[in-house]
């Protein structure tokens, strides 16, 4: 495919992915198949995806921080433990088989979607936390950070649900905080892929610009419309991710 056709296609796919990902996660559902569809080997597709995803999660994070939806000072422990978890996950994926995770994750995501669907007040507003934030970030920064470095699909959904259920965050605040953690684990994984030369810069940067702009539009809508807007998009993207993972597992 000639560059004058390929690059606009990648830009457009990344814009849509950045828009969706900033609201509910799941942007990789769009970008990874596109990168593999243009003929990139799986490892290079994943490395290039981390480059462009870092633009999107970084854009959404900056917008939420500037709007006051999330405070970086509240996320320091989360950033620390997510970094540690992601480093361990990237290291472990070189040694271990992802088969068990591939089989388990769709069912965990399905449970999240069903619970959210039948809990209409979940995330409507901030409520009393069920766990101290220090312990929460130690446990979930390590585990979800590890998962994102090791496998990845559904990371944003796991963060959003955990923040709502255990720290009592509203869905909008949880979505904003999730972007901080997403950017952290994306950036850690990106450093690894760069170190082993598994990133295509032209495609990654073009898509990164699309991600940045799409995430900016999406994060503005999150702030403007709140939980009533996020909720159906969140459930739809989780179910779409479940469908794709099940298809990959059983095809």
C-alpha atoms as a PDB file:
ATOM      1  CA  UNK A   1       0.000   0.000   0.000  1.00  0.00           C
ATOM      2  CA  UNK A   2       1.508   3.381  -0.989  1.00  0.00           C
ATOM      3  CA  UNK A   3       2.384   5.794   1.859  1.00  0.00           C
ATOM      4  CA  UNK A   4      -0.101   8.422   0.651  1.00  0.00           C
ATOM      5  CA  UNK A   5      -2.883   5.902   1.345  1.00  0.00           C
ATOM      6  CA  UNK A   6      -1.363   3.985   4.257  1.00  0.00           C
ATOM      7  CA  UNK A   7      -0.438   6.885   6.525  1.00  0.00           C
ATOM      8  CA  UNK A   8      -3.862   8.629   6.409  1.00  0.00           C
ATOM      9  CA  UNK A   9      -5.461   5.241   7.118  1.00  0.00           C
ATOM     10  CA  UNK A  10      -3.242   4.746  10.162  1.00  0.00           C
ATOM     11  CA  UNK A  11      -3.907   8.306  11.327  1.00  0.00           C
ATOM     12  CA  UNK A  12      -7.685   7.830  11.058  1.00  0.00           C
ATOM     13  CA  UNK A  13      -7.650   4.477  12.867  1.00  0.00           C
ATOM     14  CA  UNK A  14      -5.529   5.952  15.661  1.00  0.00           C
ATOM     15  CA  UNK A  15      -7.798   8.999  15.998  1.00  0.00           C
ATOM     16  CA  UNK A  16     -10.824   6.753  16.531  1.00  0.00           C
ATOM     17  CA  UNK A  17      -8.845   4.525  18.907  1.00  0.00           C
ATOM     18  CA  UNK A  18      -7.632   7.523  20.929  1.00  0.00           C
ATOM     19  CA  UNK A  19     -11.177   8.884  21.152  1.00  0.00           C
ATOM     20  CA  UNK A  20     -12.616   5.575  22.367  1.00  0.00           C
ATOM     21  CA  UNK A  21      -9.697   4.751  24.652  1.00  0.00           C
ATOM     22  CA  UNK A  22      -9.867   8.081  26.485  1.00  0.00           C
ATOM     23  CA  UNK A  23     -13.501   7.362  27.365  1.00  0.00           C
ATOM     24  CA  UNK A  24     -13.602   3.656  28.131  1.00  0.00           C
ATOM     25  CA  UNK A  25     -10.349   1.937  27.139  1.00  0.00           C
ATOM     26  CA  UNK A  26     -10.032  -0.710  24.455  1.00  0.00           C
ATOM     27  CA  UNK A  27      -8.305   1.365  21.793  1.00  0.00           C
ATOM     28  CA  UNK A  28      -5.930  -1.516  21.136  1.00  0.00           C
ATOM     29  CA  UNK A  29      -8.907  -3.398  19.671  1.00  0.00           C
ATOM     30  CA  UNK A  30      -8.586  -1.020  16.730  1.00  0.00           C
ATOM     31  CA  UNK A  31      -4.879  -0.285  16.457  1.00  0.00           C
ATOM     32  CA  UNK A  32      -3.243  -3.696  16.924  1.00  0.00           C
ATOM     33  CA  UNK A  33      -5.293  -5.415  14.172  1.00  0.00           C
ATOM     34  CA  UNK A  34      -4.604  -2.452  11.856  1.00  0.00           C
ATOM     35  CA  UNK A  35      -0.850  -2.651  12.467  1.00  0.00           C
ATOM     36  CA  UNK A  36      -0.812  -6.396  11.914  1.00  0.00           C
ATOM     37  CA  UNK A  37      -3.075  -5.959   8.899  1.00  0.00           C
ATOM     38  CA  UNK A  38      -0.458  -3.831   7.120  1.00  0.00           C
ATOM     39  CA  UNK A  39       2.023  -6.671   7.481  1.00  0.00           C
ATOM     40  CA  UNK A  40       3.997  -5.868  10.635  1.00  0.00           C
ATOM     41  CA  UNK A  41       5.264  -8.910  12.587  1.00  0.00           C
ATOM     42  CA  UNK A  42       3.447  -9.351  15.941  1.00  0.00           C
ATOM     43  CA  UNK A  43       6.323  -8.118  18.138  1.00  0.00           C
ATOM     44  CA  UNK A  44       6.856  -5.001  16.006  1.00  0.00           C
ATOM     45  CA  UNK A  45       3.108  -4.371  15.829  1.00  0.00           C
ATOM     46  CA  UNK A  46       2.931  -4.507  19.636  1.00  0.00           C
ATOM     47  CA  UNK A  47       5.979  -2.256  20.042  1.00  0.00           C
ATOM     48  CA  UNK A  48       4.652   0.287  17.548  1.00  0.00           C
ATOM     49  CA  UNK A  49       1.280   0.123  19.261  1.00  0.00           C
ATOM     50  CA  UNK A  50       2.888   1.060  22.591  1.00  0.00           C
ATOM     51  CA  UNK A  51       4.498   4.091  20.937  1.00  0.00           C
ATOM     52  CA  UNK A  52       1.256   5.433  19.507  1.00  0.00           C
ATOM     53  CA  UNK A  53      -0.754   4.443  22.610  1.00  0.00           C
ATOM     54  CA  UNK A  54       1.613   6.486  24.779  1.00  0.00           C
ATOM     55  CA  UNK A  55       0.591   9.569  22.796  1.00  0.00           C
ATOM     56  CA  UNK A  56      -3.099   8.819  23.384  1.00  0.00           C
ATOM     57  CA  UNK A  57      -2.916   7.991  27.085  1.00  0.00           C
ATOM     58  CA  UNK A  58      -0.542  10.929  27.614  1.00  0.00           C
ATOM     59  CA  UNK A  59      -2.913  13.325  25.838  1.00  0.00           C
ATOM     60  CA  UNK A  60      -5.927  12.181  27.859  1.00  0.00           C
ATOM     61  CA  UNK A  61      -3.920  12.285  31.087  1.00  0.00           C
ATOM     62  CA  UNK A  62      -2.759  15.861  30.458  1.00  0.00           C
ATOM     63  CA  UNK A  63      -6.284  17.022  29.659  1.00  0.00           C
ATOM     64  CA  UNK A  64      -7.746  15.420  32.781  1.00  0.00           C
ATOM     65  CA  UNK A  65      -4.961  16.872  34.947  1.00  0.00           C
ATOM     66  CA  UNK A  66      -5.441  20.372  33.518  1.00  0.00           C
ATOM     67  CA  UNK A  67      -9.199  20.121  34.069  1.00  0.00           C
ATOM     68  CA  UNK A  68      -8.657  19.108  37.700  1.00  0.00           C
ATOM     69  CA  UNK A  69     -10.364  15.720  37.229  1.00  0.00           C
ATOM     70  CA  UNK A  70      -7.288  13.949  38.585  1.00  0.00           C
ATOM     71  CA  UNK A  71      -4.387  15.201  40.695  1.00  0.00           C
ATOM     72  CA  UNK A  72      -0.927  13.821  40.007  1.00  0.00           C
ATOM     73  CA  UNK A  73      -0.107  14.109  43.721  1.00  0.00           C
ATOM     74  CA  UNK A  74      -2.832  11.532  44.416  1.00  0.00           C
ATOM     75  CA  UNK A  75      -1.291   9.152  41.876  1.00  0.00           C
ATOM     76  CA  UNK A  76       2.334   9.032  43.009  1.00  0.00           C
ATOM     77  CA  UNK A  77       2.066   5.644  44.699  1.00  0.00           C
ATOM     78  CA  UNK A  78       0.070   4.300  41.769  1.00  0.00           C
ATOM     79  CA  UNK A  79       2.718   5.461  39.301  1.00  0.00           C
ATOM     80  CA  UNK A  80       5.484   3.929  41.428  1.00  0.00           C
ATOM     81  CA  UNK A  81       3.909   0.487  41.833  1.00  0.00           C
ATOM     82  CA  UNK A  82       2.536   0.400  38.285  1.00  0.00           C
ATOM     83  CA  UNK A  83       6.056   1.051  36.999  1.00  0.00           C
ATOM     84  CA  UNK A  84       7.412  -1.823  39.101  1.00  0.00           C
ATOM     85  CA  UNK A  85       4.592  -4.120  37.999  1.00  0.00           C
ATOM     86  CA  UNK A  86       4.982  -3.261  34.318  1.00  0.00           C
ATOM     87  CA  UNK A  87       8.759  -3.856  34.439  1.00  0.00           C
ATOM     88  CA  UNK A  88       8.152  -7.296  35.983  1.00  0.00           C
ATOM     89  CA  UNK A  89       5.448  -8.040  33.414  1.00  0.00           C
ATOM     90  CA  UNK A  90       7.617  -7.110  30.432  1.00  0.00           C
ATOM     91  CA  UNK A  91      10.393  -9.276  31.857  1.00  0.00           C
ATOM     92  CA  UNK A  92       8.068 -12.212  32.584  1.00  0.00           C
ATOM     93  CA  UNK A  93       6.539 -12.272  29.106  1.00  0.00           C
ATOM     94  CA  UNK A  94       9.951 -13.235  27.777  1.00  0.00           C
ATOM     95  CA  UNK A  95       9.955 -16.315  29.999  1.00  0.00           C
ATOM     96  CA  UNK A  96       6.375 -17.479  30.482  1.00  0.00           C
ATOM     97  CA  UNK A  97       3.489 -18.665  28.321  1.00  0.00           C
ATOM     98  CA  UNK A  98       0.476 -16.318  28.104  1.00  0.00           C
ATOM     99  CA  UNK A  99      -1.958 -19.202  27.399  1.00  0.00           C
ATOM    100  CA  UNK A 100      -3.632 -19.200  30.827  1.00  0.00           C
ATOM    101  CA  UNK A 101      -4.172 -15.425  30.800  1.00  0.00           C
ATOM    102  CA  UNK A 102      -5.637 -15.602  27.293  1.00  0.00           C
ATOM    103  CA  UNK A 103      -8.191 -18.133  28.531  1.00  0.00           C
ATOM    104  CA  UNK A 104      -9.016 -16.374  31.814  1.00  0.00           C
ATOM    105  CA  UNK A 105      -9.188 -12.674  30.898  1.00  0.00           C
ATOM    106  CA  UNK A 106     -12.333 -12.754  28.669  1.00  0.00           C
ATOM    107  CA  UNK A 107     -14.361 -14.212  31.531  1.00  0.00           C
ATOM    108  CA  UNK A 108     -13.066 -11.629  34.014  1.00  0.00           C
ATOM    109  CA  UNK A 109     -13.956  -8.850  31.575  1.00  0.00           C
ATOM    110  CA  UNK A 110     -17.397 -10.353  30.990  1.00  0.00           C
ATOM    111  CA  UNK A 111     -17.978 -10.316  34.760  1.00  0.00           C
ATOM    112  CA  UNK A 112     -16.995  -6.616  34.837  1.00  0.00           C
ATOM    113  CA  UNK A 113     -19.443  -5.785  32.028  1.00  0.00           C
ATOM    114  CA  UNK A 114     -22.316  -7.706  33.670  1.00  0.00           C
ATOM    115  CA  UNK A 115     -21.665  -6.200  37.098  1.00  0.00           C
ATOM    116  CA  UNK A 116     -21.537  -2.673  35.644  1.00  0.00           C
ATOM    117  CA  UNK A 117     -24.688  -3.268  33.579  1.00  0.00           C
ATOM    118  CA  UNK A 118     -26.687  -4.369  36.614  1.00  0.00           C
ATOM    119  CA  UNK A 119     -25.270  -1.768  39.000  1.00  0.00           C
ATOM    120  CA  UNK A 120     -26.701   1.479  37.618  1.00  0.00           C
ATOM    121  CA  UNK A 121     -25.462   3.583  40.539  1.00  0.00           C
ATOM    122  CA  UNK A 122     -21.886   2.279  40.334  1.00  0.00           C
ATOM    123  CA  UNK A 123     -19.579   5.222  39.682  1.00  0.00           C
ATOM    124  CA  UNK A 124     -22.369   7.796  39.688  1.00  0.00           C
ATOM    125  CA  UNK A 125     -20.496   9.796  42.333  1.00  0.00           C
ATOM    126  CA  UNK A 126     -17.580   9.532  44.737  1.00  0.00           C
ATOM    127  CA  UNK A 127     -18.391   7.318  47.736  1.00  0.00           C
ATOM    128  CA  UNK A 128     -16.525   6.125  50.837  1.00  0.00           C
ATOM    129  CA  UNK A 129     -13.386   4.143  50.024  1.00  0.00           C
ATOM    130  CA  UNK A 130     -13.265   0.480  51.068  1.00  0.00           C
ATOM    131  CA  UNK A 131      -9.469   0.329  51.099  1.00  0.00           C
ATOM    132  CA  UNK A 132      -6.612   2.654  52.034  1.00  0.00           C
ATOM    133  CA  UNK A 133      -5.101   4.202  48.905  1.00  0.00           C
ATOM    134  CA  UNK A 134      -1.557   3.126  49.824  1.00  0.00           C
ATOM    135  CA  UNK A 135      -2.527  -0.538  50.062  1.00  0.00           C
ATOM    136  CA  UNK A 136      -4.754  -0.260  46.982  1.00  0.00           C
ATOM    137  CA  UNK A 137      -1.973   1.077  44.769  1.00  0.00           C
ATOM    138  CA  UNK A 138       0.523  -1.438  46.119  1.00  0.00           C
ATOM    139  CA  UNK A 139      -1.777  -4.336  45.226  1.00  0.00           C
ATOM    140  CA  UNK A 140      -3.285  -3.085  41.987  1.00  0.00           C
ATOM    141  CA  UNK A 141      -0.292  -1.133  40.730  1.00  0.00           C
ATOM    142  CA  UNK A 142       1.771  -4.301  40.930  1.00  0.00           C
ATOM    143  CA  UNK A 143      -0.881  -6.673  39.568  1.00  0.00           C
ATOM    144  CA  UNK A 144      -2.466  -4.554  36.820  1.00  0.00           C
ATOM    145  CA  UNK A 145       0.893  -3.029  35.904  1.00  0.00           C
ATOM    146  CA  UNK A 146       2.304  -6.562  35.641  1.00  0.00           C
ATOM    147  CA  UNK A 147      -0.685  -7.619  33.541  1.00  0.00           C
ATOM    148  CA  UNK A 148      -0.280  -4.694  31.142  1.00  0.00           C
ATOM    149  CA  UNK A 149       3.404  -5.438  30.671  1.00  0.00           C
ATOM    150  CA  UNK A 150       2.724  -9.165  30.318  1.00  0.00           C
ATOM    151  CA  UNK A 151      -0.446  -9.280  28.178  1.00  0.00           C
ATOM    152  CA  UNK A 152      -2.448  -6.027  28.159  1.00  0.00           C
ATOM    153  CA  UNK A 153      -6.015  -6.225  26.760  1.00  0.00           C
ATOM    154  CA  UNK A 154      -8.572  -4.807  29.192  1.00  0.00           C
ATOM    155  CA  UNK A 155      -6.072  -2.989  31.428  1.00  0.00           C
ATOM    156  CA  UNK A 156      -8.153   0.201  31.468  1.00  0.00           C
ATOM    157  CA  UNK A 157     -11.321  -1.726  32.347  1.00  0.00           C
ATOM    158  CA  UNK A 158      -9.630  -3.419  35.301  1.00  0.00           C
ATOM    159  CA  UNK A 159      -8.269  -0.113  36.608  1.00  0.00           C
ATOM    160  CA  UNK A 160     -11.599   1.702  36.247  1.00  0.00           C
ATOM    161  CA  UNK A 161     -13.566  -1.035  38.011  1.00  0.00           C
ATOM    162  CA  UNK A 162     -11.023  -1.371  40.843  1.00  0.00           C
ATOM    163  CA  UNK A 163     -10.939   2.391  41.439  1.00  0.00           C
ATOM    164  CA  UNK A 164     -14.745   2.604  41.573  1.00  0.00           C
ATOM    165  CA  UNK A 165     -15.286  -0.438  43.784  1.00  0.00           C
ATOM    166  CA  UNK A 166     -12.392  -0.093  46.256  1.00  0.00           C
ATOM    167  CA  UNK A 167     -11.462   3.600  46.347  1.00  0.00           C
ATOM    168  CA  UNK A 168     -15.055   4.771  45.834  1.00  0.00           C
ATOM    169  CA  UNK A 169     -14.248   6.933  42.800  1.00  0.00           C
ATOM    170  CA  UNK A 170     -16.930   8.164  40.437  1.00  0.00           C
ATOM    171  CA  UNK A 171     -16.683   6.712  36.937  1.00  0.00           C
ATOM    172  CA  UNK A 172     -15.368  10.022  35.589  1.00  0.00           C
ATOM    173  CA  UNK A 173     -12.675  10.303  38.261  1.00  0.00           C
ATOM    174  CA  UNK A 174     -11.787   6.620  37.823  1.00  0.00           C
ATOM    175  CA  UNK A 175     -11.505   7.081  34.046  1.00  0.00           C
ATOM    176  CA  UNK A 176      -9.171  10.048  34.526  1.00  0.00           C
ATOM    177  CA  UNK A 177      -6.983   8.210  37.060  1.00  0.00           C
ATOM    178  CA  UNK A 178      -6.890   5.167  34.777  1.00  0.00           C
ATOM    179  CA  UNK A 179      -5.255   7.263  32.054  1.00  0.00           C
ATOM    180  CA  UNK A 180      -2.389   8.142  34.412  1.00  0.00           C
ATOM    181  CA  UNK A 181      -1.793   4.456  35.114  1.00  0.00           C
ATOM    182  CA  UNK A 182      -2.225   3.516  31.439  1.00  0.00           C
ATOM    183  CA  UNK A 183       0.385   6.057  30.401  1.00  0.00           C
ATOM    184  CA  UNK A 184       2.785   4.739  33.031  1.00  0.00           C
ATOM    185  CA  UNK A 185       2.608   1.096  31.921  1.00  0.00           C
ATOM    186  CA  UNK A 186       2.535   2.039  28.213  1.00  0.00           C
ATOM    187  CA  UNK A 187       5.701   4.095  28.616  1.00  0.00           C
ATOM    188  CA  UNK A 188       7.511   1.367  30.558  1.00  0.00           C
ATOM    189  CA  UNK A 189       6.650  -1.220  27.888  1.00  0.00           C
ATOM    190  CA  UNK A 190       7.650   1.230  25.146  1.00  0.00           C
ATOM    191  CA  UNK A 191      11.123   1.612  26.649  1.00  0.00           C
ATOM    192  CA  UNK A 192      11.568  -2.157  26.466  1.00  0.00           C
ATOM    193  CA  UNK A 193      10.393  -2.395  22.854  1.00  0.00           C
ATOM    194  CA  UNK A 194      12.696   0.465  21.904  1.00  0.00           C
ATOM    195  CA  UNK A 195      15.642  -1.258  23.573  1.00  0.00           C
ATOM    196  CA  UNK A 196      15.196  -4.355  21.399  1.00  0.00           C
ATOM    197  CA  UNK A 197      14.442  -2.428  18.192  1.00  0.00           C
ATOM    198  CA  UNK A 198      10.803  -3.525  17.856  1.00  0.00           C
ATOM    199  CA  UNK A 199       9.232  -0.151  17.026  1.00  0.00           C
ATOM    200  CA  UNK A 200       8.435   1.355  13.607  1.00  0.00           C
ATOM    201  CA  UNK A 201       8.780   5.109  14.027  1.00  0.00           C
ATOM    202  CA  UNK A 202       7.043   6.468  10.922  1.00  0.00           C
ATOM    203  CA  UNK A 203       3.860   4.483  11.489  1.00  0.00           C
ATOM    204  CA  UNK A 204       4.037   4.956  15.255  1.00  0.00           C
ATOM    205  CA  UNK A 205       4.431   8.732  15.145  1.00  0.00           C
ATOM    206  CA  UNK A 206       1.706   9.233  12.524  1.00  0.00           C
ATOM    207  CA  UNK A 207      -0.637   7.133  14.632  1.00  0.00           C
ATOM    208  CA  UNK A 208       0.589   8.903  17.761  1.00  0.00           C
ATOM    209  CA  UNK A 209      -0.594  12.248  16.372  1.00  0.00           C
ATOM    210  CA  UNK A 210      -3.990  10.696  15.589  1.00  0.00           C
ATOM    211  CA  UNK A 211      -4.130   9.192  19.090  1.00  0.00           C
ATOM    212  CA  UNK A 212      -3.201  12.508  20.697  1.00  0.00           C
ATOM    213  CA  UNK A 213      -5.971  14.387  18.899  1.00  0.00           C
ATOM    214  CA  UNK A 214      -8.598  11.665  19.326  1.00  0.00           C
ATOM    215  CA  UNK A 215      -7.853  11.355  23.038  1.00  0.00           C
ATOM    216  CA  UNK A 216      -8.127  15.111  23.437  1.00  0.00           C
ATOM    217  CA  UNK A 217     -11.609  15.137  21.894  1.00  0.00           C
ATOM    218  CA  UNK A 218     -12.698  12.116  23.935  1.00  0.00           C
ATOM    219  CA  UNK A 219     -11.429  13.434  27.258  1.00  0.00           C
ATOM    220  CA  UNK A 220     -13.237  16.728  26.673  1.00  0.00           C
ATOM    221  CA  UNK A 221     -16.491  14.827  26.186  1.00  0.00           C
ATOM    222  CA  UNK A 222     -15.872  12.824  29.377  1.00  0.00           C
ATOM    223  CA  UNK A 223     -15.505  16.033  31.393  1.00  0.00           C
ATOM    224  CA  UNK A 224     -18.459  17.699  29.701  1.00  0.00           C
ATOM    225  CA  UNK A 225     -20.955  14.818  29.846  1.00  0.00           C
ATOM    226  CA  UNK A 226     -19.814  12.753  32.817  1.00  0.00           C
ATOM    227  CA  UNK A 227     -20.827   9.260  33.909  1.00  0.00           C
ATOM    228  CA  UNK A 228     -24.019   9.071  31.870  1.00  0.00           C
ATOM    229  CA  UNK A 229     -21.868   9.324  28.735  1.00  0.00           C
ATOM    230  CA  UNK A 230     -19.010   7.076  29.906  1.00  0.00           C
ATOM    231  CA  UNK A 231     -21.124   4.184  31.179  1.00  0.00           C
ATOM    232  CA  UNK A 232     -22.625   2.846  27.897  1.00  0.00           C
ATOM    233  CA  UNK A 233     -19.335   3.333  26.047  1.00  0.00           C
ATOM    234  CA  UNK A 234     -17.485   1.507  28.822  1.00  0.00           C
ATOM    235  CA  UNK A 235     -19.851  -1.485  28.756  1.00  0.00           C
ATOM    236  CA  UNK A 236     -19.805  -1.619  24.946  1.00  0.00           C
ATOM    237  CA  UNK A 237     -16.008  -1.590  24.751  1.00  0.00           C
ATOM    238  CA  UNK A 238     -15.641  -4.237  27.460  1.00  0.00           C
ATOM    239  CA  UNK A 239     -18.074  -6.523  25.631  1.00  0.00           C
ATOM    240  CA  UNK A 240     -16.296  -5.867  22.330  1.00  0.00           C
ATOM    241  CA  UNK A 241     -12.995  -6.796  23.953  1.00  0.00           C
ATOM    242  CA  UNK A 242     -14.537  -9.967  25.398  1.00  0.00           C
ATOM    243  CA  UNK A 243     -15.839 -10.916  21.957  1.00  0.00           C
ATOM    244  CA  UNK A 244     -12.520 -10.377  20.285  1.00  0.00           C
ATOM    245  CA  UNK A 245     -10.535 -12.294  22.883  1.00  0.00           C
ATOM    246  CA  UNK A 246     -12.953 -15.227  22.806  1.00  0.00           C
ATOM    247  CA  UNK A 247     -12.790 -15.267  19.018  1.00  0.00           C
ATOM    248  CA  UNK A 248      -8.979 -15.316  19.123  1.00  0.00           C
ATOM    249  CA  UNK A 249      -8.997 -18.103  21.721  1.00  0.00           C
ATOM    250  CA  UNK A 250     -11.469 -20.421  20.041  1.00  0.00           C
ATOM    251  CA  UNK A 251     -11.166 -19.763  16.315  1.00  0.00           C
END
